[in-house]
PDB file of N, CA and C in Angstrom:
ATOM      1  N   UNK A   1       0.424  -1.420   0.174  1.00  0.00           N
ATOM      2  CA  UNK A   1       0.001   0.419  -0.172  1.00  0.00           C
ATOM      3  C   UNK A   1       0.628   1.187   0.026  1.00  0.00           C
ATOM      4  N   UNK A   2       2.028   1.396   0.794  1.00  0.00           N
ATOM      5  CA  UNK A   2       3.003   2.380   1.099  1.00  0.00           C
ATOM      6  C   UNK A   2       3.091   2.680  -0.580  1.00  0.00           C
ATOM      7  N   UNK A   3       3.191   1.525  -1.378  1.00  0.00           N
ATOM      8  CA  UNK A   3       4.549   2.104  -2.532  1.00  0.00           C
ATOM      9  C   UNK A   3       3.314   2.394  -3.657  1.00  0.00           C
ATOM     10  N   UNK A   4       2.271   1.683  -3.445  1.00  0.00           N
ATOM     11  CA  UNK A   4       0.823   2.113  -4.306  1.00  0.00           C
ATOM     12  C   UNK A   4       0.152   3.261  -4.327  1.00  0.00           C
ATOM     13  N   UNK A   5       0.642   4.261  -2.854  1.00  0.00           N
ATOM     14  CA  UNK A   5       0.365   5.478  -2.573  1.00  0.00           C
ATOM     15  C   UNK A   5       0.724   6.570  -3.037  1.00  0.00           C
ATOM     16  N   UNK A   6       2.144   6.170  -3.031  1.00  0.00           N
ATOM     17  CA  UNK A   6       3.057   6.662  -3.604  1.00  0.00           C
ATOM     18  C   UNK A   6       3.300   7.156  -4.939  1.00  0.00           C
ATOM     19  N   UNK A   7       2.626   6.147  -5.435  1.00  0.00           N
ATOM     20  CA  UNK A   7       2.708   6.350  -7.373  1.00  0.00           C
ATOM     21  C   UNK A   7       1.009   6.466  -7.529  1.00  0.00           C
ATOM     22  N   UNK A   8       0.076   6.486  -7.245  1.00  0.00           N
ATOM     23  CA  UNK A   8      -1.249   6.928  -7.379  1.00  0.00           C
ATOM     24  C   UNK A   8      -1.420   7.964  -7.309  1.00  0.00           C
ATOM     25  N   UNK A   9      -2.672   8.865  -8.174  1.00  0.00           N
ATOM     26  CA  UNK A   9      -3.074   9.921  -7.586  1.00  0.00           C
ATOM     27  C   UNK A   9      -3.918  10.115  -6.420  1.00  0.00           C
ATOM     28  N   UNK A  10      -4.365   9.043  -6.622  1.00  0.00           N
ATOM     29  CA  UNK A  10      -5.545   8.685  -5.563  1.00  0.00           C
ATOM     30  C   UNK A  10      -5.498   7.480  -5.046  1.00  0.00           C
ATOM     31  N   UNK A  11      -5.962   7.363  -3.724  1.00  0.00           N
ATOM     32  CA  UNK A  11      -5.555   5.847  -3.391  1.00  0.00           C
ATOM     33  C   UNK A  11      -6.923   5.404  -1.909  1.00  0.00           C
ATOM     34  N   UNK A  12      -8.022   4.596  -2.381  1.00  0.00           N
ATOM     35  CA  UNK A  12      -8.921   4.152  -1.209  1.00  0.00           C
ATOM     36  C   UNK A  12      -8.735   2.380  -0.994  1.00  0.00           C
ATOM     37  N   UNK A  13      -9.403   2.451   0.208  1.00  0.00           N
ATOM     38  CA  UNK A  13      -9.107   0.919   0.600  1.00  0.00           C
ATOM     39  C   UNK A  13     -10.664   0.546   0.784  1.00  0.00           C
ATOM     40  N   UNK A  14     -11.326  -0.481  -0.265  1.00  0.00           N
ATOM     41  CA  UNK A  14     -12.659  -1.060   0.175  1.00  0.00           C
ATOM     42  C   UNK A  14     -12.810  -1.911   0.803  1.00  0.00           C
ATOM     43  N   UNK A  15     -13.736  -2.795   1.882  1.00  0.00           N
ATOM     44  CA  UNK A  15     -13.382  -3.849   2.908  1.00  0.00           C
ATOM     45  C   UNK A  15     -14.750  -4.168   2.960  1.00  0.00           C
ATOM     46  N   UNK A  16     -14.868  -6.052   3.056  1.00  0.00           N
ATOM     47  CA  UNK A  16     -16.278  -6.033   3.215  1.00  0.00           C
ATOM     48  C   UNK A  16     -15.690  -6.796   4.866  1.00  0.00           C
ATOM     49  N   UNK A  17     -14.740  -6.692   5.231  1.00  0.00           N
ATOM     50  CA  UNK A  17     -14.411  -7.043   6.765  1.00  0.00           C
ATOM     51  C   UNK A  17     -14.906  -6.202   7.744  1.00  0.00           C
ATOM     52  N   UNK A  18     -14.624  -6.354   9.021  1.00  0.00           N
ATOM     53  CA  UNK A  18     -14.549  -5.364  10.186  1.00  0.00           C
ATOM     54  C   UNK A  18     -13.902  -3.709  10.088  1.00  0.00           C
ATOM     55  N   UNK A  19     -14.139  -2.807   9.683  1.00  0.00           N
ATOM     56  CA  UNK A  19     -13.210  -2.239   9.475  1.00  0.00           C
ATOM     57  C   UNK A  19     -12.002  -1.868  10.873  1.00  0.00           C
ATOM     58  N   UNK A  20     -12.664  -2.213  12.081  1.00  0.00           N
ATOM     59  CA  UNK A  20     -11.522  -1.840  13.369  1.00  0.00           C
ATOM     60  C   UNK A  20     -10.208  -3.018  13.415  1.00  0.00           C
ATOM     61  N   UNK A  21     -10.962  -4.209  12.676  1.00  0.00           N
ATOM     62  CA  UNK A  21      -9.905  -4.976  12.534  1.00  0.00           C
ATOM     63  C   UNK A  21      -8.871  -5.063  11.323  1.00  0.00           C
ATOM     64  N   UNK A  22      -9.233  -4.230  10.532  1.00  0.00           N
ATOM     65  CA  UNK A  22      -8.349  -3.683   8.915  1.00  0.00           C
ATOM     66  C   UNK A  22      -7.365  -2.723   9.651  1.00  0.00           C
ATOM     67  N   UNK A  23      -8.071  -1.622  10.469  1.00  0.00           N
ATOM     68  CA  UNK A  23      -7.032  -0.687  10.958  1.00  0.00           C
ATOM     69  C   UNK A  23      -6.137  -1.078  11.603  1.00  0.00           C
ATOM     70  N   UNK A  24      -6.551  -1.991  12.368  1.00  0.00           N
ATOM     71  CA  UNK A  24      -5.404  -2.683  13.586  1.00  0.00           C
ATOM     72  C   UNK A  24      -4.383  -3.532  12.842  1.00  0.00           C
ATOM     73  N   UNK A  25      -4.908  -3.902  11.824  1.00  0.00           N
ATOM     74  CA  UNK A  25      -3.719  -5.164  10.909  1.00  0.00           C
ATOM     75  C   UNK A  25      -2.869  -3.849   9.960  1.00  0.00           C
ATOM     76  N   UNK A  26      -3.101  -2.412   9.569  1.00  0.00           N
ATOM     77  CA  UNK A  26      -2.596  -1.567   9.109  1.00  0.00           C
ATOM     78  C   UNK A  26      -1.951  -0.636  10.138  1.00  0.00           C
ATOM     79  N   UNK A  27      -2.140  -0.642  11.211  1.00  0.00           N
ATOM     80  CA  UNK A  27      -1.599   0.451  12.239  1.00  0.00           C
ATOM     81  C   UNK A  27      -0.170  -0.146  12.567  1.00  0.00           C
ATOM     82  N   UNK A  28       0.399   1.044  12.363  1.00  0.00           N
ATOM     83  CA  UNK A  28       2.413   0.947  13.061  1.00  0.00           C
ATOM     84  C   UNK A  28       2.939   0.724  11.777  1.00  0.00           C
ATOM     85  N   UNK A  29       2.063   0.401  10.554  1.00  0.00           N
ATOM     86  CA  UNK A  29       2.818   0.212   8.905  1.00  0.00           C
ATOM     87  C   UNK A  29       3.269   1.309   8.401  1.00  0.00           C
ATOM     88  N   UNK A  30       3.988   1.406   7.643  1.00  0.00           N
ATOM     89  CA  UNK A  30       4.656   2.751   7.119  1.00  0.00           C
ATOM     90  C   UNK A  30       3.757   2.884   5.648  1.00  0.00           C
ATOM     91  N   UNK A  31       2.842   3.832   5.717  1.00  0.00           N
ATOM     92  CA  UNK A  31       2.371   3.987   4.383  1.00  0.00           C
ATOM     93  C   UNK A  31       2.065   5.266   4.179  1.00  0.00           C
ATOM     94  N   UNK A  32       2.690   5.770   3.115  1.00  0.00           N
ATOM     95  CA  UNK A  32       2.912   7.105   2.326  1.00  0.00           C
ATOM     96  C   UNK A  32       1.485   7.625   2.410  1.00  0.00           C
ATOM     97  N   UNK A  33       1.022   9.019   2.906  1.00  0.00           N
ATOM     98  CA  UNK A  33       0.063   9.620   3.078  1.00  0.00           C
ATOM     99  C   UNK A  33      -1.058   8.960   3.491  1.00  0.00           C
ATOM    100  N   UNK A  34      -0.666   8.189   4.836  1.00  0.00           N
ATOM    101  CA  UNK A  34      -2.138   7.179   5.258  1.00  0.00           C
ATOM    102  C   UNK A  34      -3.360   8.539   5.473  1.00  0.00           C
ATOM    103  N   UNK A  35      -2.811   9.433   6.062  1.00  0.00           N
ATOM    104  CA  UNK A  35      -3.919  10.257   6.617  1.00  0.00           C
ATOM    105  C   UNK A  35      -5.192  10.098   5.292  1.00  0.00           C
ATOM    106  N   UNK A  36      -4.613  10.423   4.321  1.00  0.00           N
ATOM    107  CA  UNK A  36      -5.453  10.496   2.629  1.00  0.00           C
ATOM    108  C   UNK A  36      -6.313   9.793   2.500  1.00  0.00           C
ATOM    109  N   UNK A  37      -5.639   8.322   3.154  1.00  0.00           N
ATOM    110  CA  UNK A  37      -6.672   7.032   2.366  1.00  0.00           C
ATOM    111  C   UNK A  37      -7.477   6.592   3.205  1.00  0.00           C
ATOM    112  N   UNK A  38      -8.779   7.103   2.437  1.00  0.00           N
ATOM    113  CA  UNK A  38     -10.193   6.445   3.087  1.00  0.00           C
ATOM    114  C   UNK A  38     -10.126   4.845   3.279  1.00  0.00           C
ATOM    115  N   UNK A  39     -10.751   4.676   4.453  1.00  0.00           N
ATOM    116  CA  UNK A  39     -11.198   2.942   4.389  1.00  0.00           C
ATOM    117  C   UNK A  39     -12.562   3.079   4.509  1.00  0.00           C
ATOM    118  N   UNK A  40     -13.182   2.527   3.262  1.00  0.00           N
ATOM    119  CA  UNK A  40     -14.761   2.331   2.943  1.00  0.00           C
ATOM    120  C   UNK A  40     -15.091   0.727   3.507  1.00  0.00           C
ATOM    121  N   UNK A  41     -16.039   1.022   4.282  1.00  0.00           N
ATOM    122  CA  UNK A  41     -16.383  -0.520   4.281  1.00  0.00           C
ATOM    123  C   UNK A  41     -18.106  -0.661   4.109  1.00  0.00           C
ATOM    124  N   UNK A  42     -18.191  -1.859   4.090  1.00  0.00           N
ATOM    125  CA  UNK A  42     -19.690  -1.937   3.796  1.00  0.00           C
ATOM    126  C   UNK A  42     -20.227  -2.736   5.061  1.00  0.00           C
ATOM    127  N   UNK A  43     -21.567  -2.966   5.221  1.00  0.00           N
ATOM    128  CA  UNK A  43     -22.333  -3.899   6.480  1.00  0.00           C
ATOM    129  C   UNK A  43     -22.080  -5.353   6.322  1.00  0.00           C
ATOM    130  N   UNK A  44     -21.557  -6.524   6.978  1.00  0.00           N
ATOM    131  CA  UNK A  44     -21.344  -7.471   6.490  1.00  0.00           C
ATOM    132  C   UNK A  44     -22.183  -8.099   5.819  1.00  0.00           C
ATOM    133  N   UNK A  45     -23.868  -8.005   6.526  1.00  0.00           N
ATOM    134  CA  UNK A  45     -25.185  -8.670   5.873  1.00  0.00           C
ATOM    135  C   UNK A  45     -25.588  -8.436   4.543  1.00  0.00           C
ATOM    136  N   UNK A  46     -25.100  -7.101   4.246  1.00  0.00           N
ATOM    137  CA  UNK A  46     -25.072  -6.573   2.925  1.00  0.00           C
ATOM    138  C   UNK A  46     -24.206  -7.235   1.780  1.00  0.00           C
ATOM    139  N   UNK A  47     -23.068  -7.837   2.433  1.00  0.00           N
ATOM    140  CA  UNK A  47     -21.796  -8.350   1.521  1.00  0.00           C
ATOM    141  C   UNK A  47     -22.380 -10.006   1.266  1.00  0.00           C
ATOM    142  N   UNK A  48     -22.881 -10.758   2.597  1.00  0.00           N
ATOM    143  CA  UNK A  48     -23.417 -12.086   2.251  1.00  0.00           C
ATOM    144  C   UNK A  48     -24.529 -12.054   1.778  1.00  0.00           C
ATOM    145  N   UNK A  49     -25.445 -10.812   1.764  1.00  0.00           N
ATOM    146  CA  UNK A  49     -27.230 -11.059   0.812  1.00  0.00           C
ATOM    147  C   UNK A  49     -26.487 -10.897  -0.475  1.00  0.00           C
ATOM    148  N   UNK A  50     -25.735 -10.097  -0.957  1.00  0.00           N
ATOM    149  CA  UNK A  50     -25.182 -10.056  -2.176  1.00  0.00           C
ATOM    150  C   UNK A  50     -24.717 -10.998  -2.784  1.00  0.00           C
ATOM    151  N   UNK A  51     -23.814 -11.775  -2.296  1.00  0.00           N
ATOM    152  CA  UNK A  51     -23.073 -13.310  -2.355  1.00  0.00           C
ATOM    153  C   UNK A  51     -24.000 -13.796  -2.634  1.00  0.00           C
ATOM    154  N   UNK A  52     -25.277 -13.940  -1.942  1.00  0.00           N
ATOM    155  CA  UNK A  52     -26.194 -15.370  -2.147  1.00  0.00           C
ATOM    156  C   UNK A  52     -27.166 -14.864  -3.043  1.00  0.00           C
ATOM    157  N   UNK A  53     -27.154 -13.590  -3.807  1.00  0.00           N
ATOM    158  CA  UNK A  53     -27.803 -13.623  -4.745  1.00  0.00           C
ATOM    159  C   UNK A  53     -27.159 -13.739  -6.321  1.00  0.00           C
ATOM    160  N   UNK A  54     -25.898 -14.232  -5.897  1.00  0.00           N
ATOM    161  CA  UNK A  54     -25.176 -14.056  -7.291  1.00  0.00           C
ATOM    162  C   UNK A  54     -25.838 -15.458  -7.962  1.00  0.00           C
ATOM    163  N   UNK A  55     -25.296 -15.421  -9.170  1.00  0.00           N
ATOM    164  CA  UNK A  55     -26.176 -16.642  -9.660  1.00  0.00           C
ATOM    165  C   UNK A  55     -24.632 -16.436 -11.289  1.00  0.00           C
ATOM    166  N   UNK A  56     -24.796 -17.611 -12.206  1.00  0.00           N
ATOM    167  CA  UNK A  56     -24.118 -17.327 -13.137  1.00  0.00           C
ATOM    168  C   UNK A  56     -23.808 -16.268 -14.350  1.00  0.00           C
ATOM    169  N   UNK A  57     -25.000 -16.094 -14.442  1.00  0.00           N
ATOM    170  CA  UNK A  57     -25.264 -14.782 -15.261  1.00  0.00           C
ATOM    171  C   UNK A  57     -25.935 -14.008 -14.305  1.00  0.00           C
ATOM    172  N   UNK A  58     -25.641 -12.342 -14.491  1.00  0.00           N
ATOM    173  CA  UNK A  58     -26.303 -11.701 -13.098  1.00  0.00           C
ATOM    174  C   UNK A  58     -26.633 -10.413 -13.930  1.00  0.00           C
ATOM    175  N   UNK A  59     -27.630  -9.642 -13.501  1.00  0.00           N
ATOM    176  CA  UNK A  59     -28.409  -8.368 -13.823  1.00  0.00           C
ATOM    177  C   UNK A  59     -27.711  -7.294 -13.200  1.00  0.00           C
ATOM    178  N   UNK A  60     -27.401  -6.336 -12.907  1.00  0.00           N
ATOM    179  CA  UNK A  60     -27.222  -5.749 -11.322  1.00  0.00           C
ATOM    180  C   UNK A  60     -27.288  -4.259 -12.185  1.00  0.00           C
ATOM    181  N   UNK A  61     -27.800  -3.466 -10.874  1.00  0.00           N
ATOM    182  CA  UNK A  61     -27.720  -1.999 -11.126  1.00  0.00           C
ATOM    183  C   UNK A  61     -27.306  -1.366  -9.432  1.00  0.00           C
ATOM    184  N   UNK A  62     -26.299  -0.715  -9.969  1.00  0.00           N
ATOM    185  CA  UNK A  62     -25.696   0.155  -8.549  1.00  0.00           C
ATOM    186  C   UNK A  62     -26.026   1.833  -8.320  1.00  0.00           C
ATOM    187  N   UNK A  63     -26.527   2.340  -7.607  1.00  0.00           N
ATOM    188  CA  UNK A  63     -26.784   3.870  -7.730  1.00  0.00           C
ATOM    189  C   UNK A  63     -26.031   3.909  -5.944  1.00  0.00           C
ATOM    190  N   UNK A  64     -25.997   5.247  -5.830  1.00  0.00           N
ATOM    191  CA  UNK A  64     -24.876   5.576  -4.251  1.00  0.00           C
ATOM    192  C   UNK A  64     -25.640   7.277  -4.697  1.00  0.00           C
ATOM    193  N   UNK A  65     -26.630   7.328  -3.051  1.00  0.00           N
ATOM    194  CA  UNK A  65     -27.006   8.878  -2.755  1.00  0.00           C
ATOM    195  C   UNK A  65     -26.807   8.889  -1.407  1.00  0.00           C
ATOM    196  N   UNK A  66     -26.327   9.810  -0.856  1.00  0.00           N
ATOM    197  CA  UNK A  66     -26.328  10.267   0.333  1.00  0.00           C
ATOM    198  C   UNK A  66     -25.561   9.356   1.367  1.00  0.00           C
ATOM    199  N   UNK A  67     -24.407   8.540   0.850  1.00  0.00           N
ATOM    200  CA  UNK A  67     -23.521   7.889   1.724  1.00  0.00           C
ATOM    201  C   UNK A  67     -24.396   6.634   1.659  1.00  0.00           C
ATOM    202  N   UNK A  68     -25.357   6.285   0.581  1.00  0.00           N
ATOM    203  CA  UNK A  68     -25.979   5.144   0.914  1.00  0.00           C
ATOM    204  C   UNK A  68     -26.178   4.393  -0.611  1.00  0.00           C
ATOM    205  N   UNK A  69     -25.590   3.442  -0.663  1.00  0.00           N
ATOM    206  CA  UNK A  69     -25.269   2.184  -1.556  1.00  0.00           C
ATOM    207  C   UNK A  69     -26.561   1.213  -1.786  1.00  0.00           C
ATOM    208  N   UNK A  70     -27.173   1.282  -3.511  1.00  0.00           N
ATOM    209  CA  UNK A  70     -28.415   1.019  -3.650  1.00  0.00           C
ATOM    210  C   UNK A  70     -27.875   0.155  -4.773  1.00  0.00           C
ATOM    211  N   UNK A  71     -28.296  -1.392  -5.010  1.00  0.00           N
ATOM    212  CA  UNK A  71     -27.868  -2.628  -5.361  1.00  0.00           C
ATOM    213  C   UNK A  71     -29.026  -3.244  -5.874  1.00  0.00           C
ATOM    214  N   UNK A  72     -29.453  -3.454  -7.194  1.00  0.00           N
ATOM    215  CA  UNK A  72     -30.417  -4.299  -7.357  1.00  0.00           C
ATOM    216  C   UNK A  72     -29.746  -5.550  -8.258  1.00  0.00           C
ATOM    217  N   UNK A  73     -29.616  -6.754  -7.457  1.00  0.00           N
ATOM    218  CA  UNK A  73     -29.298  -7.873  -8.442  1.00  0.00           C
ATOM    219  C   UNK A  73     -30.194  -9.030  -8.327  1.00  0.00           C
ATOM    220  N   UNK A  74     -30.126  -9.299  -9.754  1.00  0.00           N
ATOM    221  CA  UNK A  74     -31.213 -10.091  -9.966  1.00  0.00           C
ATOM    222  C   UNK A  74     -32.239 -10.213  -9.406  1.00  0.00           C
ATOM    223  N   UNK A  75     -32.867  -9.225  -9.952  1.00  0.00           N
ATOM    224  CA  UNK A  75     -34.439  -8.847  -8.898  1.00  0.00           C
ATOM    225  C   UNK A  75     -34.607  -8.859  -7.635  1.00  0.00           C
ATOM    226  N   UNK A  76     -32.996  -8.980  -6.772  1.00  0.00           N
ATOM    227  CA  UNK A  76     -33.077  -8.511  -5.270  1.00  0.00           C
ATOM    228  C   UNK A  76     -32.841  -7.185  -4.999  1.00  0.00           C
ATOM    229  N   UNK A  77     -33.330  -6.416  -4.155  1.00  0.00           N
ATOM    230  CA  UNK A  77     -33.007  -5.301  -3.553  1.00  0.00           C
ATOM    231  C   UNK A  77     -32.380  -5.112  -2.618  1.00  0.00           C
ATOM    232  N   UNK A  78     -30.815  -4.461  -2.603  1.00  0.00           N
ATOM    233  CA  UNK A  78     -30.415  -4.371  -1.283  1.00  0.00           C
ATOM    234  C   UNK A  78     -29.361  -2.950  -1.024  1.00  0.00           C
ATOM    235  N   UNK A  79     -29.489  -2.532  -0.033  1.00  0.00           N
ATOM    236  CA  UNK A  79     -28.484  -1.454   0.601  1.00  0.00           C
ATOM    237  C   UNK A  79     -28.031  -1.287   1.884  1.00  0.00           C
ATOM    238  N   UNK A  80     -26.942  -0.720   1.775  1.00  0.00           N
ATOM    239  CA  UNK A  80     -26.094  -0.325   2.916  1.00  0.00           C
ATOM    240  C   UNK A  80     -25.288   0.784   2.846  1.00  0.00           C
ATOM    241  N   UNK A  81     -25.454   1.330   4.298  1.00  0.00           N
ATOM    242  CA  UNK A  81     -24.525   2.677   4.571  1.00  0.00           C
ATOM    243  C   UNK A  81     -23.046   2.289   3.938  1.00  0.00           C
ATOM    244  N   UNK A  82     -22.461   3.547   3.223  1.00  0.00           N
ATOM    245  CA  UNK A  82     -21.337   3.730   3.298  1.00  0.00           C
ATOM    246  C   UNK A  82     -20.310   4.388   4.208  1.00  0.00           C
ATOM    247  N   UNK A  83     -19.732   3.427   4.992  1.00  0.00           N
ATOM    248  CA  UNK A  83     -18.813   4.130   6.266  1.00  0.00           C
ATOM    249  C   UNK A  83     -17.387   4.337   5.530  1.00  0.00           C
ATOM    250  N   UNK A  84     -17.131   5.698   5.636  1.00  0.00           N
ATOM    251  CA  UNK A  84     -15.451   6.511   5.739  1.00  0.00           C
ATOM    252  C   UNK A  84     -14.880   6.229   6.936  1.00  0.00           C
ATOM    253  N   UNK A  85     -13.529   6.054   6.932  1.00  0.00           N
ATOM    254  CA  UNK A  85     -12.694   6.055   8.217  1.00  0.00           C
ATOM    255  C   UNK A  85     -11.684   6.136   7.462  1.00  0.00           C
ATOM    256  N   UNK A  86     -10.436   6.739   8.123  1.00  0.00           N
ATOM    257  CA  UNK A  86      -9.049   7.034   7.501  1.00  0.00           C
ATOM    258  C   UNK A  86      -7.569   6.281   7.942  1.00  0.00           C
ATOM    259  N   UNK A  87      -6.596   5.559   7.456  1.00  0.00           N
ATOM    260  CA  UNK A  87      -5.541   4.969   7.718  1.00  0.00           C
ATOM    261  C   UNK A  87      -5.245   5.202   9.071  1.00  0.00           C
ATOM    262  N   UNK A  88      -5.411   6.868   9.272  1.00  0.00           N
ATOM    263  CA  UNK A  88      -4.333   7.500  10.267  1.00  0.00           C
ATOM    264  C   UNK A  88      -4.869   8.484  10.676  1.00  0.00           C
TER     265      UNK A  88
END
């Protein structure tokens, strides 16, 4: 992540895991401009429901409104709040 954040204009980390655990894992590591890197997380139940709705062929529509992600996947409607934290 350190090397990538030095080379890229913008870096973000997206996770389905508990953000506290991800932050703990990255704590103390040398990461270039860590304070500028957002950690974006989604509700675990949302990810599990989306995974359960996946088929071999999928039809999906995704939209984001006011920090809320809406997913229509194969006729199932799902939503989750988008949570941001910063690495440092």
